[in-house]
PDB file of N, CA and C in Angstrom:
ATOM      1  N   UNK A   1      55.344  14.939 -79.364  1.00  0.00           N
ATOM      2  CA  UNK A   1      56.756  14.984 -79.694  1.00  0.00           C
ATOM      3  C   UNK A   1      57.425  16.240 -79.127  1.00  0.00           C
ATOM      4  N   UNK A   2      56.701  17.346 -79.100  1.00  0.00           N
ATOM      5  CA  UNK A   2      57.248  18.588 -78.560  1.00  0.00           C
ATOM      6  C   UNK A   2      57.572  18.443 -77.080  1.00  0.00           C
ATOM      7  N   UNK A   3      56.708  17.753 -76.330  1.00  0.00           N
ATOM      8  CA  UNK A   3      56.949  17.563 -74.896  1.00  0.00           C
ATOM      9  C   UNK A   3      58.209  16.736 -74.666  1.00  0.00           C
ATOM     10  N   UNK A   4      58.387  15.679 -75.442  1.00  0.00           N
ATOM     11  CA  UNK A   4      59.583  14.841 -75.300  1.00  0.00           C
ATOM     12  C   UNK A   4      60.833  15.660 -75.610  1.00  0.00           C
ATOM     13  N   UNK A   5      60.785  16.428 -76.674  1.00  0.00           N
ATOM     14  CA  UNK A   5      61.932  17.250 -77.057  1.00  0.00           C
ATOM     15  C   UNK A   5      62.231  18.312 -76.005  1.00  0.00           C
ATOM     16  N   UNK A   6      61.203  18.899 -75.426  1.00  0.00           N
ATOM     17  CA  UNK A   6      61.387  19.907 -74.377  1.00  0.00           C
ATOM     18  C   UNK A   6      62.082  19.310 -73.162  1.00  0.00           C
ATOM     19  N   UNK A   7      61.595  18.161 -72.699  1.00  0.00           N
ATOM     20  CA  UNK A   7      62.213  17.504 -71.539  1.00  0.00           C
ATOM     21  C   UNK A   7      63.633  17.078 -71.878  1.00  0.00           C
ATOM     22  N   UNK A   8      63.821  16.471 -73.050  1.00  0.00           N
ATOM     23  CA  UNK A   8      65.145  16.001 -73.459  1.00  0.00           C
ATOM     24  C   UNK A   8      66.158  17.141 -73.486  1.00  0.00           C
ATOM     25  N   UNK A   9      65.812  18.221 -74.161  1.00  0.00           N
ATOM     26  CA  UNK A   9      66.747  19.344 -74.270  1.00  0.00           C
ATOM     27  C   UNK A   9      66.997  20.021 -72.927  1.00  0.00           C
ATOM     28  N   UNK A  10      65.966  20.126 -72.097  1.00  0.00           N
ATOM     29  CA  UNK A  10      66.139  20.731 -70.770  1.00  0.00           C
ATOM     30  C   UNK A  10      67.117  19.925 -69.930  1.00  0.00           C
ATOM     31  N   UNK A  11      66.912  18.617 -69.875  1.00  0.00           N
ATOM     32  CA  UNK A  11      67.795  17.758 -69.075  1.00  0.00           C
ATOM     33  C   UNK A  11      69.189  17.722 -69.691  1.00  0.00           C
ATOM     34  N   UNK A  12      69.277  17.637 -71.005  1.00  0.00           N
ATOM     35  CA  UNK A  12      70.574  17.606 -71.674  1.00  0.00           C
ATOM     36  C   UNK A  12      71.397  18.853 -71.351  1.00  0.00           C
ATOM     37  N   UNK A  13      70.784  20.013 -71.450  1.00  0.00           N
ATOM     38  CA  UNK A  13      71.510  21.256 -71.189  1.00  0.00           C
ATOM     39  C   UNK A  13      71.914  21.395 -69.729  1.00  0.00           C
ATOM     40  N   UNK A  14      71.058  20.953 -68.823  1.00  0.00           N
ATOM     41  CA  UNK A  14      71.369  21.053 -67.395  1.00  0.00           C
ATOM     42  C   UNK A  14      72.476  20.077 -67.005  1.00  0.00           C
ATOM     43  N   UNK A  15      72.503  18.908 -67.639  1.00  0.00           N
ATOM     44  CA  UNK A  15      73.480  17.886 -67.277  1.00  0.00           C
ATOM     45  C   UNK A  15      74.865  18.118 -67.884  1.00  0.00           C
ATOM     46  N   UNK A  16      74.962  18.948 -68.910  1.00  0.00           N
ATOM     47  CA  UNK A  16      76.258  19.167 -69.555  1.00  0.00           C
ATOM     48  C   UNK A  16      77.249  19.777 -68.563  1.00  0.00           C
ATOM     49  N   UNK A  17      78.369  19.097 -68.370  1.00  0.00           N
ATOM     50  CA  UNK A  17      79.416  19.610 -67.505  1.00  0.00           C
ATOM     51  C   UNK A  17      79.184  19.421 -66.020  1.00  0.00           C
ATOM     52  N   UNK A  18      78.178  18.643 -65.638  1.00  0.00           N
ATOM     53  CA  UNK A  18      77.937  18.439 -64.207  1.00  0.00           C
ATOM     54  C   UNK A  18      78.877  17.364 -63.665  1.00  0.00           C
ATOM     55  N   UNK A  19      78.785  17.108 -62.373  1.00  0.00           N
ATOM     56  CA  UNK A  19      79.683  16.152 -61.726  1.00  0.00           C
ATOM     57  C   UNK A  19      79.543  14.744 -62.289  1.00  0.00           C
ATOM     58  N   UNK A  20      78.335  14.368 -62.681  1.00  0.00           N
ATOM     59  CA  UNK A  20      78.121  13.036 -63.241  1.00  0.00           C
ATOM     60  C   UNK A  20      78.885  12.878 -64.551  1.00  0.00           C
ATOM     61  N   UNK A  21      78.794  13.870 -65.404  1.00  0.00           N
ATOM     62  CA  UNK A  21      79.496  13.801 -66.684  1.00  0.00           C
ATOM     63  C   UNK A  21      81.009  13.810 -66.468  1.00  0.00           C
ATOM     64  N   UNK A  22      81.479  14.610 -65.534  1.00  0.00           N
ATOM     65  CA  UNK A  22      82.914  14.648 -65.252  1.00  0.00           C
ATOM     66  C   UNK A  22      83.404  13.314 -64.692  1.00  0.00           C
ATOM     67  N   UNK A  23      82.627  12.703 -63.804  1.00  0.00           N
ATOM     68  CA  UNK A  23      83.012  11.399 -63.257  1.00  0.00           C
ATOM     69  C   UNK A  23      83.077  10.352 -64.361  1.00  0.00           C
ATOM     70  N   UNK A  24      82.111  10.376 -65.262  1.00  0.00           N
ATOM     71  CA  UNK A  24      82.103   9.430 -66.376  1.00  0.00           C
ATOM     72  C   UNK A  24      83.325   9.645 -67.264  1.00  0.00           C
ATOM     73  N   UNK A  25      83.655  10.897 -67.540  1.00  0.00           N
ATOM     74  CA  UNK A  25      84.834  11.200 -68.354  1.00  0.00           C
ATOM     75  C   UNK A  25      86.113  10.730 -67.666  1.00  0.00           C
ATOM     76  N   UNK A  26      86.177  10.869 -66.345  1.00  0.00           N
ATOM     77  CA  UNK A  26      87.363  10.414 -65.613  1.00  0.00           C
ATOM     78  C   UNK A  26      87.501   8.900 -65.649  1.00  0.00           C
ATOM     79  N   UNK A  27      86.384   8.172 -65.549  1.00  0.00           N
ATOM     80  CA  UNK A  27      86.438   6.712 -65.698  1.00  0.00           C
ATOM     81  C   UNK A  27      86.982   6.346 -67.078  1.00  0.00           C
ATOM     82  N   UNK A  28      86.517   7.043 -68.107  1.00  0.00           N
ATOM     83  CA  UNK A  28      86.978   6.758 -69.466  1.00  0.00           C
ATOM     84  C   UNK A  28      88.455   7.117 -69.628  1.00  0.00           C
ATOM     85  N   UNK A  29      88.872   8.232 -69.056  1.00  0.00           N
ATOM     86  CA  UNK A  29      90.265   8.667 -69.171  1.00  0.00           C
ATOM     87  C   UNK A  29      91.214   7.736 -68.434  1.00  0.00           C
ATOM     88  N   UNK A  30      90.732   7.110 -67.362  1.00  0.00           N
ATOM     89  CA  UNK A  30      91.554   6.188 -66.582  1.00  0.00           C
ATOM     90  C   UNK A  30      91.991   4.997 -67.429  1.00  0.00           C
ATOM     91  N   UNK A  31      91.128   4.548 -68.318  1.00  0.00           N
ATOM     92  CA  UNK A  31      91.483   3.471 -69.233  1.00  0.00           C
ATOM     93  C   UNK A  31      91.425   2.074 -68.666  1.00  0.00           C
ATOM     94  N   UNK A  32      91.014   1.910 -67.413  1.00  0.00           N
ATOM     95  CA  UNK A  32      90.962   0.582 -66.805  1.00  0.00           C
ATOM     96  C   UNK A  32      89.695  -0.180 -67.175  1.00  0.00           C
ATOM     97  N   UNK A  33      88.666   0.531 -67.590  1.00  0.00           N
ATOM     98  CA  UNK A  33      87.396  -0.089 -67.964  1.00  0.00           C
ATOM     99  C   UNK A  33      87.110   0.206 -69.427  1.00  0.00           C
ATOM    100  N   UNK A  34      86.363  -0.690 -70.057  1.00  0.00           N
ATOM    101  CA  UNK A  34      86.043  -0.477 -71.471  1.00  0.00           C
ATOM    102  C   UNK A  34      85.048   0.673 -71.617  1.00  0.00           C
ATOM    103  N   UNK A  35      85.153   1.427 -72.693  1.00  0.00           N
ATOM    104  CA  UNK A  35      84.201   2.515 -72.924  1.00  0.00           C
ATOM    105  C   UNK A  35      82.755   2.028 -72.961  1.00  0.00           C
ATOM    106  N   UNK A  36      82.521   0.841 -73.523  1.00  0.00           N
ATOM    107  CA  UNK A  36      81.154   0.304 -73.579  1.00  0.00           C
ATOM    108  C   UNK A  36      80.616   0.052 -72.177  1.00  0.00           C
ATOM    109  N   UNK A  37      81.442  -0.509 -71.294  1.00  0.00           N
ATOM    110  CA  UNK A  37      81.011  -0.765 -69.920  1.00  0.00           C
ATOM    111  C   UNK A  37      80.709   0.546 -69.204  1.00  0.00           C
ATOM    112  N   UNK A  38      81.557   1.536 -69.386  1.00  0.00           N
ATOM    113  CA  UNK A  38      81.343   2.841 -68.750  1.00  0.00           C
ATOM    114  C   UNK A  38      80.049   3.463 -69.257  1.00  0.00           C
ATOM    115  N   UNK A  39      79.813   3.383 -70.567  1.00  0.00           N
ATOM    116  CA  UNK A  39      78.594   3.939 -71.146  1.00  0.00           C
ATOM    117  C   UNK A  39      77.358   3.251 -70.588  1.00  0.00           C
ATOM    118  N   UNK A  40      77.365   1.916 -70.559  1.00  0.00           N
ATOM    119  CA  UNK A  40      76.196   1.171 -70.073  1.00  0.00           C
ATOM    120  C   UNK A  40      75.955   1.453 -68.594  1.00  0.00           C
ATOM    121  N   UNK A  41      77.014   1.415 -67.784  1.00  0.00           N
ATOM    122  CA  UNK A  41      76.858   1.622 -66.342  1.00  0.00           C
ATOM    123  C   UNK A  41      76.404   3.046 -66.025  1.00  0.00           C
ATOM    124  N   UNK A  42      77.000   4.039 -66.675  1.00  0.00           N
ATOM    125  CA  UNK A  42      76.599   5.420 -66.391  1.00  0.00           C
ATOM    126  C   UNK A  42      75.196   5.703 -66.919  1.00  0.00           C
ATOM    127  N   UNK A  43      74.834   5.116 -68.047  1.00  0.00           N
ATOM    128  CA  UNK A  43      73.468   5.273 -68.567  1.00  0.00           C
ATOM    129  C   UNK A  43      72.454   4.646 -67.625  1.00  0.00           C
ATOM    130  N   UNK A  44      72.774   3.454 -67.106  1.00  0.00           N
ATOM    131  CA  UNK A  44      71.870   2.790 -66.157  1.00  0.00           C
ATOM    132  C   UNK A  44      71.704   3.627 -64.895  1.00  0.00           C
ATOM    133  N   UNK A  45      72.796   4.212 -64.421  1.00  0.00           N
ATOM    134  CA  UNK A  45      72.713   5.056 -63.227  1.00  0.00           C
ATOM    135  C   UNK A  45      71.820   6.270 -63.474  1.00  0.00           C
ATOM    136  N   UNK A  46      71.945   6.882 -64.645  1.00  0.00           N
ATOM    137  CA  UNK A  46      71.105   8.034 -64.966  1.00  0.00           C
ATOM    138  C   UNK A  46      69.640   7.643 -65.104  1.00  0.00           C
ATOM    139  N   UNK A  47      69.392   6.449 -65.638  1.00  0.00           N
ATOM    140  CA  UNK A  47      68.007   5.974 -65.747  1.00  0.00           C
ATOM    141  C   UNK A  47      67.406   5.789 -64.358  1.00  0.00           C
ATOM    142  N   UNK A  48      68.168   5.186 -63.444  1.00  0.00           N
ATOM    143  CA  UNK A  48      67.665   4.958 -62.084  1.00  0.00           C
ATOM    144  C   UNK A  48      67.429   6.284 -61.362  1.00  0.00           C
ATOM    145  N   UNK A  49      68.377   7.220 -61.459  1.00  0.00           N
ATOM    146  CA  UNK A  49      68.178   8.505 -60.778  1.00  0.00           C
ATOM    147  C   UNK A  49      67.014   9.283 -61.391  1.00  0.00           C
ATOM    148  N   UNK A  50      66.824   9.159 -62.696  1.00  0.00           N
ATOM    149  CA  UNK A  50      65.674   9.812 -63.335  1.00  0.00           C
ATOM    150  C   UNK A  50      64.368   9.185 -62.875  1.00  0.00           C
ATOM    151  N   UNK A  51      64.348   7.862 -62.737  1.00  0.00           N
ATOM    152  CA  UNK A  51      63.142   7.181 -62.254  1.00  0.00           C
ATOM    153  C   UNK A  51      62.808   7.623 -60.831  1.00  0.00           C
ATOM    154  N   UNK A  52      63.825   7.747 -59.991  1.00  0.00           N
ATOM    155  CA  UNK A  52      63.608   8.214 -58.619  1.00  0.00           C
ATOM    156  C   UNK A  52      63.063   9.643 -58.634  1.00  0.00           C
ATOM    157  N   UNK A  53      63.629  10.501 -59.480  1.00  0.00           N
ATOM    158  CA  UNK A  53      63.165  11.892 -59.561  1.00  0.00           C
ATOM    159  C   UNK A  53      61.716  11.969 -60.028  1.00  0.00           C
ATOM    160  N   UNK A  54      61.347  11.148 -61.009  1.00  0.00           N
ATOM    161  CA  UNK A  54      59.960  11.136 -61.487  1.00  0.00           C
ATOM    162  C   UNK A  54      59.033  10.648 -60.382  1.00  0.00           C
ATOM    163  N   UNK A  55      59.438   9.618 -59.654  1.00  0.00           N
ATOM    164  CA  UNK A  55      58.621   9.090 -58.559  1.00  0.00           C
ATOM    165  C   UNK A  55      58.427  10.143 -57.471  1.00  0.00           C
ATOM    166  N   UNK A  56      59.516  10.774 -57.048  1.00  0.00           N
ATOM    167  CA  UNK A  56      59.433  11.796 -55.995  1.00  0.00           C
ATOM    168  C   UNK A  56      58.602  12.986 -56.471  1.00  0.00           C
ATOM    169  N   UNK A  57      58.807  13.399 -57.725  1.00  0.00           N
ATOM    170  CA  UNK A  57      58.029  14.506 -58.264  1.00  0.00           C
ATOM    171  C   UNK A  57      56.549  14.195 -58.336  1.00  0.00           C
ATOM    172  N   UNK A  58      56.223  12.974 -58.712  1.00  0.00           N
ATOM    173  CA  UNK A  58      54.821  12.560 -58.772  1.00  0.00           C
ATOM    174  C   UNK A  58      54.201  12.543 -57.381  1.00  0.00           C
ATOM    175  N   UNK A  59      54.940  12.063 -56.402  1.00  0.00           N
ATOM    176  CA  UNK A  59      54.438  12.043 -55.026  1.00  0.00           C
ATOM    177  C   UNK A  59      54.283  13.469 -54.496  1.00  0.00           C
ATOM    178  N   UNK A  60      55.236  14.341 -54.802  1.00  0.00           N
ATOM    179  CA  UNK A  60      55.172  15.728 -54.334  1.00  0.00           C
ATOM    180  C   UNK A  60      53.974  16.449 -54.938  1.00  0.00           C
ATOM    181  N   UNK A  61      53.644  16.121 -56.182  1.00  0.00           N
ATOM    182  CA  UNK A  61      52.508  16.755 -56.849  1.00  0.00           C
ATOM    183  C   UNK A  61      51.211  16.489 -56.096  1.00  0.00           C
ATOM    184  N   UNK A  62      51.124  15.348 -55.453  1.00  0.00           N
ATOM    185  CA  UNK A  62      49.920  14.994 -54.705  1.00  0.00           C
ATOM    186  C   UNK A  62      49.720  15.898 -53.489  1.00  0.00           C
ATOM    187  N   UNK A  63      50.810  16.445 -52.953  1.00  0.00           N
ATOM    188  CA  UNK A  63      50.740  17.191 -51.700  1.00  0.00           C
ATOM    189  C   UNK A  63      50.980  18.688 -51.843  1.00  0.00           C
ATOM    190  N   UNK A  64      51.533  19.111 -52.948  1.00  0.00           N
ATOM    191  CA  UNK A  64      51.888  20.516 -53.116  1.00  0.00           C
ATOM    192  C   UNK A  64      51.235  21.092 -54.359  1.00  0.00           C
ATOM    193  N   UNK A  65      50.875  22.359 -54.293  1.00  0.00           N
ATOM    194  CA  UNK A  65      50.405  23.054 -55.482  1.00  0.00           C
ATOM    195  C   UNK A  65      51.598  23.349 -56.386  1.00  0.00           C
ATOM    196  N   UNK A  66      51.341  23.647 -57.643  1.00  0.00           N
ATOM    197  CA  UNK A  66      52.420  23.887 -58.610  1.00  0.00           C
ATOM    198  C   UNK A  66      53.256  25.109 -58.238  1.00  0.00           C
ATOM    199  N   UNK A  67      52.629  26.192 -57.816  1.00  0.00           N
ATOM    200  CA  UNK A  67      53.380  27.408 -57.505  1.00  0.00           C
ATOM    201  C   UNK A  67      54.359  27.203 -56.354  1.00  0.00           C
ATOM    202  N   UNK A  68      53.924  26.647 -55.203  1.00  0.00           N
ATOM    203  CA  UNK A  68      54.909  26.432 -54.143  1.00  0.00           C
ATOM    204  C   UNK A  68      56.022  25.472 -54.565  1.00  0.00           C
ATOM    205  N   UNK A  69      55.695  24.480 -55.387  1.00  0.00           N
ATOM    206  CA  UNK A  69      56.713  23.535 -55.827  1.00  0.00           C
ATOM    207  C   UNK A  69      57.761  24.242 -56.687  1.00  0.00           C
ATOM    208  N   UNK A  70      57.327  25.107 -57.595  1.00  0.00           N
ATOM    209  CA  UNK A  70      58.273  25.875 -58.406  1.00  0.00           C
ATOM    210  C   UNK A  70      59.078  26.829 -57.534  1.00  0.00           C
ATOM    211  N   UNK A  71      58.429  27.416 -56.550  1.00  0.00           N
ATOM    212  CA  UNK A  71      59.123  28.311 -55.633  1.00  0.00           C
ATOM    213  C   UNK A  71      60.171  27.547 -54.831  1.00  0.00           C
ATOM    214  N   UNK A  72      59.803  26.378 -54.316  1.00  0.00           N
ATOM    215  CA  UNK A  72      60.755  25.557 -53.562  1.00  0.00           C
ATOM    216  C   UNK A  72      61.928  25.128 -54.435  1.00  0.00           C
ATOM    217  N   UNK A  73      61.654  24.739 -55.674  1.00  0.00           N
ATOM    218  CA  UNK A  73      62.730  24.337 -56.580  1.00  0.00           C
ATOM    219  C   UNK A  73      63.665  25.511 -56.854  1.00  0.00           C
ATOM    220  N   UNK A  74      63.105  26.681 -57.093  1.00  0.00           N
ATOM    221  CA  UNK A  74      63.920  27.868 -57.325  1.00  0.00           C
ATOM    222  C   UNK A  74      64.770  28.226 -56.122  1.00  0.00           C
ATOM    223  N   UNK A  75      64.167  28.182 -54.941  1.00  0.00           N
ATOM    224  CA  UNK A  75      64.919  28.472 -53.716  1.00  0.00           C
ATOM    225  C   UNK A  75      66.017  27.442 -53.476  1.00  0.00           C
ATOM    226  N   UNK A  76      65.739  26.182 -53.795  1.00  0.00           N
ATOM    227  CA  UNK A  76      66.753  25.136 -53.634  1.00  0.00           C
ATOM    228  C   UNK A  76      67.946  25.402 -54.548  1.00  0.00           C
ATOM    229  N   UNK A  77      67.692  25.777 -55.802  1.00  0.00           N
ATOM    230  CA  UNK A  77      68.790  26.087 -56.718  1.00  0.00           C
ATOM    231  C   UNK A  77      69.580  27.302 -56.248  1.00  0.00           C
ATOM    232  N   UNK A  78      68.900  28.311 -55.741  1.00  0.00           N
ATOM    233  CA  UNK A  78      69.591  29.495 -55.216  1.00  0.00           C
ATOM    234  C   UNK A  78      70.449  29.111 -54.013  1.00  0.00           C
ATOM    235  N   UNK A  79      69.900  28.287 -53.121  1.00  0.00           N
ATOM    236  CA  UNK A  79      70.647  27.857 -51.933  1.00  0.00           C
ATOM    237  C   UNK A  79      71.879  27.045 -52.324  1.00  0.00           C
ATOM    238  N   UNK A  80      71.723  26.139 -53.275  1.00  0.00           N
ATOM    239  CA  UNK A  80      72.863  25.331 -53.723  1.00  0.00           C
ATOM    240  C   UNK A  80      73.933  26.227 -54.341  1.00  0.00           C
ATOM    241  N   UNK A  81      73.514  27.186 -55.155  1.00  0.00           N
ATOM    242  CA  UNK A  81      74.466  28.123 -55.752  1.00  0.00           C
ATOM    243  C   UNK A  81      75.181  28.949 -54.699  1.00  0.00           C
ATOM    244  N   UNK A  82      74.431  29.443 -53.714  1.00  0.00           N
ATOM    245  CA  UNK A  82      75.029  30.236 -52.642  1.00  0.00           C
ATOM    246  C   UNK A  82      76.022  29.404 -51.835  1.00  0.00           C
ATOM    247  N   UNK A  83      75.679  28.158 -51.554  1.00  0.00           N
ATOM    248  CA  UNK A  83      76.601  27.281 -50.821  1.00  0.00           C
ATOM    249  C   UNK A  83      77.868  27.010 -51.625  1.00  0.00           C
ATOM    250  N   UNK A  84      77.736  26.846 -52.927  1.00  0.00           N
ATOM    251  CA  UNK A  84      78.916  26.637 -53.770  1.00  0.00           C
ATOM    252  C   UNK A  84      79.821  27.861 -53.769  1.00  0.00           C
ATOM    253  N   UNK A  85      79.234  29.041 -53.872  1.00  0.00           N
ATOM    254  CA  UNK A  85      80.029  30.272 -53.833  1.00  0.00           C
ATOM    255  C   UNK A  85      80.686  30.418 -52.468  1.00  0.00           C
ATOM    256  N   UNK A  86      79.934  30.177 -51.398  1.00  0.00           N
ATOM    257  CA  UNK A  86      80.475  30.298 -50.043  1.00  0.00           C
ATOM    258  C   UNK A  86      81.628  29.313 -49.828  1.00  0.00           C
ATOM    259  N   UNK A  87      81.454  28.058 -50.265  1.00  0.00           N
ATOM    260  CA  UNK A  87      82.510  27.065 -50.058  1.00  0.00           C
ATOM    261  C   UNK A  87      83.748  27.380 -50.895  1.00  0.00           C
ATOM    262  N   UNK A  88      83.566  28.065 -52.014  1.00  0.00           N
ATOM    263  CA  UNK A  88      84.722  28.455 -52.829  1.00  0.00           C
ATOM    264  C   UNK A  88      85.589  29.471 -52.084  1.00  0.00           C
ATOM    265  N   UNK A  89      84.956  30.406 -51.409  1.00  0.00           N
ATOM    266  CA  UNK A  89      85.694  31.451 -50.707  1.00  0.00           C
ATOM    267  C   UNK A  89      86.037  31.078 -49.267  1.00  0.00           C
ATOM    268  N   UNK A  90      85.463  30.008 -48.751  1.00  0.00           N
ATOM    269  CA  UNK A  90      85.732  29.534 -47.389  1.00  0.00           C
ATOM    270  C   UNK A  90      86.033  28.041 -47.422  1.00  0.00           C
ATOM    271  N   UNK A  91      87.194  27.652 -47.955  1.00  0.00           N
ATOM    272  CA  UNK A  91      87.503  26.218 -48.064  1.00  0.00           C
ATOM    273  C   UNK A  91      87.659  25.565 -46.697  1.00  0.00           C
ATOM    274  N   UNK A  92      87.322  24.293 -46.651  1.00  0.00           N
ATOM    275  CA  UNK A  92      87.472  23.526 -45.405  1.00  0.00           C
ATOM    276  C   UNK A  92      88.947  23.302 -45.127  1.00  0.00           C
ATOM    277  N   UNK A  93      89.309  23.232 -43.837  1.00  0.00           N
ATOM    278  CA  UNK A  93      90.730  23.005 -43.496  1.00  0.00           C
ATOM    279  C   UNK A  93      91.181  21.604 -43.832  1.00  0.00           C
TER     280      UNK A  93
END
């Protein structure tokens, strides 16, 4: 039960306020679709993306040691953050 709670809380905290949640809120605010449909469709999308992430992670585990994988994940997050900061100060024309 502790493992499930750890994964649940980690994903929940990381997903709060991300683009997926904002897109879902915008669909709901638009009012053209029922809230139930938006909930089911966005939940299904998250299930599919989570399944893909688990599959890719499982495949990566076969080829990479844990330390390099954590290092690569950390570097990827740093790179994404740096790109976001750079794009904020250097907007596209």
